[in-house]
C-alpha atoms as a PDB file:
ATOM      1  CA  UNK A   1      47.906  19.916  31.415  1.00  0.00           C
ATOM      2  CA  UNK A   2      47.134  18.254  28.487  1.00  0.00           C
ATOM      3  CA  UNK A   3      49.288  15.306  29.524  1.00  0.00           C
ATOM      4  CA  UNK A   4      47.738  15.042  32.918  1.00  0.00           C
ATOM      5  CA  UNK A   5      44.215  15.056  30.898  1.00  0.00           C
ATOM      6  CA  UNK A   6      45.727  12.053  28.759  1.00  0.00           C
ATOM      7  CA  UNK A   7      46.844   9.932  31.906  1.00  0.00           C
ATOM      8  CA  UNK A   8      43.139  10.521  33.581  1.00  0.00           C
ATOM      9  CA  UNK A   9      41.639   9.458  30.639  1.00  0.00           C
ATOM     10  CA  UNK A  10      43.495   6.378  30.199  1.00  0.00           C
ATOM     11  CA  UNK A  11      42.920   5.723  33.761  1.00  0.00           C
ATOM     12  CA  UNK A  12      39.233   5.897  33.253  1.00  0.00           C
ATOM     13  CA  UNK A  13      39.446   3.300  30.476  1.00  0.00           C
ATOM     14  CA  UNK A  14      40.440   0.656  32.763  1.00  0.00           C
ATOM     15  CA  UNK A  15      37.555  -1.836  33.742  1.00  0.00           C
ATOM     16  CA  UNK A  16      38.542  -2.196  37.275  1.00  0.00           C
ATOM     17  CA  UNK A  17      37.841   1.732  37.393  1.00  0.00           C
ATOM     18  CA  UNK A  18      34.483   1.128  36.400  1.00  0.00           C
ATOM     19  CA  UNK A  19      34.076  -1.857  38.985  1.00  0.00           C
ATOM     20  CA  UNK A  20      35.514   0.223  41.585  1.00  0.00           C
ATOM     21  CA  UNK A  21      33.028   3.055  41.146  1.00  0.00           C
ATOM     22  CA  UNK A  22      30.148   0.718  40.708  1.00  0.00           C
ATOM     23  CA  UNK A  23      30.938  -1.052  44.306  1.00  0.00           C
ATOM     24  CA  UNK A  24      31.455   2.137  45.760  1.00  0.00           C
ATOM     25  CA  UNK A  25      28.297   3.376  44.899  1.00  0.00           C
ATOM     26  CA  UNK A  26      26.408   0.252  46.071  1.00  0.00           C
ATOM     27  CA  UNK A  27      28.196   0.523  49.565  1.00  0.00           C
ATOM     28  CA  UNK A  28      27.296   4.279  49.699  1.00  0.00           C
ATOM     29  CA  UNK A  29      23.499   3.182  49.401  1.00  0.00           C
ATOM     30  CA  UNK A  30      23.906   0.481  52.114  1.00  0.00           C
ATOM     31  CA  UNK A  31      21.962   0.375  55.261  1.00  0.00           C
ATOM     32  CA  UNK A  32      24.859   1.878  57.721  1.00  0.00           C
ATOM     33  CA  UNK A  33      25.397   4.831  55.343  1.00  0.00           C
ATOM     34  CA  UNK A  34      21.739   5.560  55.104  1.00  0.00           C
ATOM     35  CA  UNK A  35      21.402   5.558  58.634  1.00  0.00           C
ATOM     36  CA  UNK A  36      24.461   7.591  59.330  1.00  0.00           C
ATOM     37  CA  UNK A  37      22.581  10.329  57.276  1.00  0.00           C
ATOM     38  CA  UNK A  38      19.105   9.869  58.690  1.00  0.00           C
ATOM     39  CA  UNK A  39      18.782  12.298  61.611  1.00  0.00           C
ATOM     40  CA  UNK A  40      16.296  15.174  62.288  1.00  0.00           C
ATOM     41  CA  UNK A  41      18.890  17.494  61.298  1.00  0.00           C
ATOM     42  CA  UNK A  42      18.397  20.220  58.367  1.00  0.00           C
ATOM     43  CA  UNK A  43      21.428  21.574  56.719  1.00  0.00           C
ATOM     44  CA  UNK A  44      20.508  24.926  54.985  1.00  0.00           C
ATOM     45  CA  UNK A  45      16.767  24.160  55.452  1.00  0.00           C
ATOM     46  CA  UNK A  46      17.515  20.637  53.682  1.00  0.00           C
ATOM     47  CA  UNK A  47      17.124  17.260  55.541  1.00  0.00           C
ATOM     48  CA  UNK A  48      20.275  15.496  55.674  1.00  0.00           C
ATOM     49  CA  UNK A  49      19.275  12.199  54.003  1.00  0.00           C
ATOM     50  CA  UNK A  50      17.784  14.035  51.127  1.00  0.00           C
ATOM     51  CA  UNK A  51      20.773  16.274  50.622  1.00  0.00           C
ATOM     52  CA  UNK A  52      23.080  12.956  50.817  1.00  0.00           C
ATOM     53  CA  UNK A  53      20.883  11.095  48.442  1.00  0.00           C
ATOM     54  CA  UNK A  54      20.718  14.198  45.873  1.00  0.00           C
ATOM     55  CA  UNK A  55      24.584  14.842  46.259  1.00  0.00           C
ATOM     56  CA  UNK A  56      25.577  11.024  45.589  1.00  0.00           C
ATOM     57  CA  UNK A  57      23.055  11.197  42.429  1.00  0.00           C
ATOM     58  CA  UNK A  58      24.964  14.673  41.279  1.00  0.00           C
ATOM     59  CA  UNK A  59      28.488  12.967  41.889  1.00  0.00           C
ATOM     60  CA  UNK A  60      27.179   9.460  40.211  1.00  0.00           C
ATOM     61  CA  UNK A  61      26.408  11.622  37.161  1.00  0.00           C
ATOM     62  CA  UNK A  62      29.370  13.461  36.989  1.00  0.00           C
ATOM     63  CA  UNK A  63      31.548  10.114  37.159  1.00  0.00           C
ATOM     64  CA  UNK A  64      29.467   8.645  34.333  1.00  0.00           C
ATOM     65  CA  UNK A  65      30.122  11.815  32.435  1.00  0.00           C
ATOM     66  CA  UNK A  66      33.932  11.297  32.716  1.00  0.00           C
ATOM     67  CA  UNK A  67      33.974   7.578  31.722  1.00  0.00           C
ATOM     68  CA  UNK A  68      31.876   8.539  28.625  1.00  0.00           C
ATOM     69  CA  UNK A  69      34.424  11.002  27.683  1.00  0.00           C
ATOM     70  CA  UNK A  70      37.105   8.462  28.480  1.00  0.00           C
ATOM     71  CA  UNK A  71      35.386   6.017  26.246  1.00  0.00           C
ATOM     72  CA  UNK A  72      35.135   8.655  23.348  1.00  0.00           C
ATOM     73  CA  UNK A  73      38.923   9.329  24.054  1.00  0.00           C
ATOM     74  CA  UNK A  74      39.467   5.704  23.276  1.00  0.00           C
ATOM     75  CA  UNK A  75      37.537   5.034  20.308  1.00  0.00           C
ATOM     76  CA  UNK A  76      39.058   8.180  18.939  1.00  0.00           C
ATOM     77  CA  UNK A  77      42.733   7.039  19.143  1.00  0.00           C
ATOM     78  CA  UNK A  78      41.982   3.470  18.114  1.00  0.00           C
ATOM     79  CA  UNK A  79      40.324   5.446  14.838  1.00  0.00           C
ATOM     80  CA  UNK A  80      43.334   7.504  14.711  1.00  0.00           C
ATOM     81  CA  UNK A  81      45.648   4.051  14.813  1.00  0.00           C
ATOM     82  CA  UNK A  82      43.568   2.378  12.151  1.00  0.00           C
ATOM     83  CA  UNK A  83      43.731   4.842   9.673  1.00  0.00           C
ATOM     84  CA  UNK A  84      46.298   4.613   6.858  1.00  0.00           C
END
């Protein structure tokens, strides 16, 4: 389990991962996706577009949290390597 966690944290440290998640976030906020969810439908009493935007916002916060954890992991490893 710890090995899997280390591999995921290393993967998140890559600059390409940051760029991919940014582009994905921009794409999900474009007209075609917003138009798909802009329907007069209520899901659990909540408009579908509002639910889509709120869910996307929460997911983006979680992704940013994982990136912050990965950056702390990288700085911690660099500190351990530089110590004599």
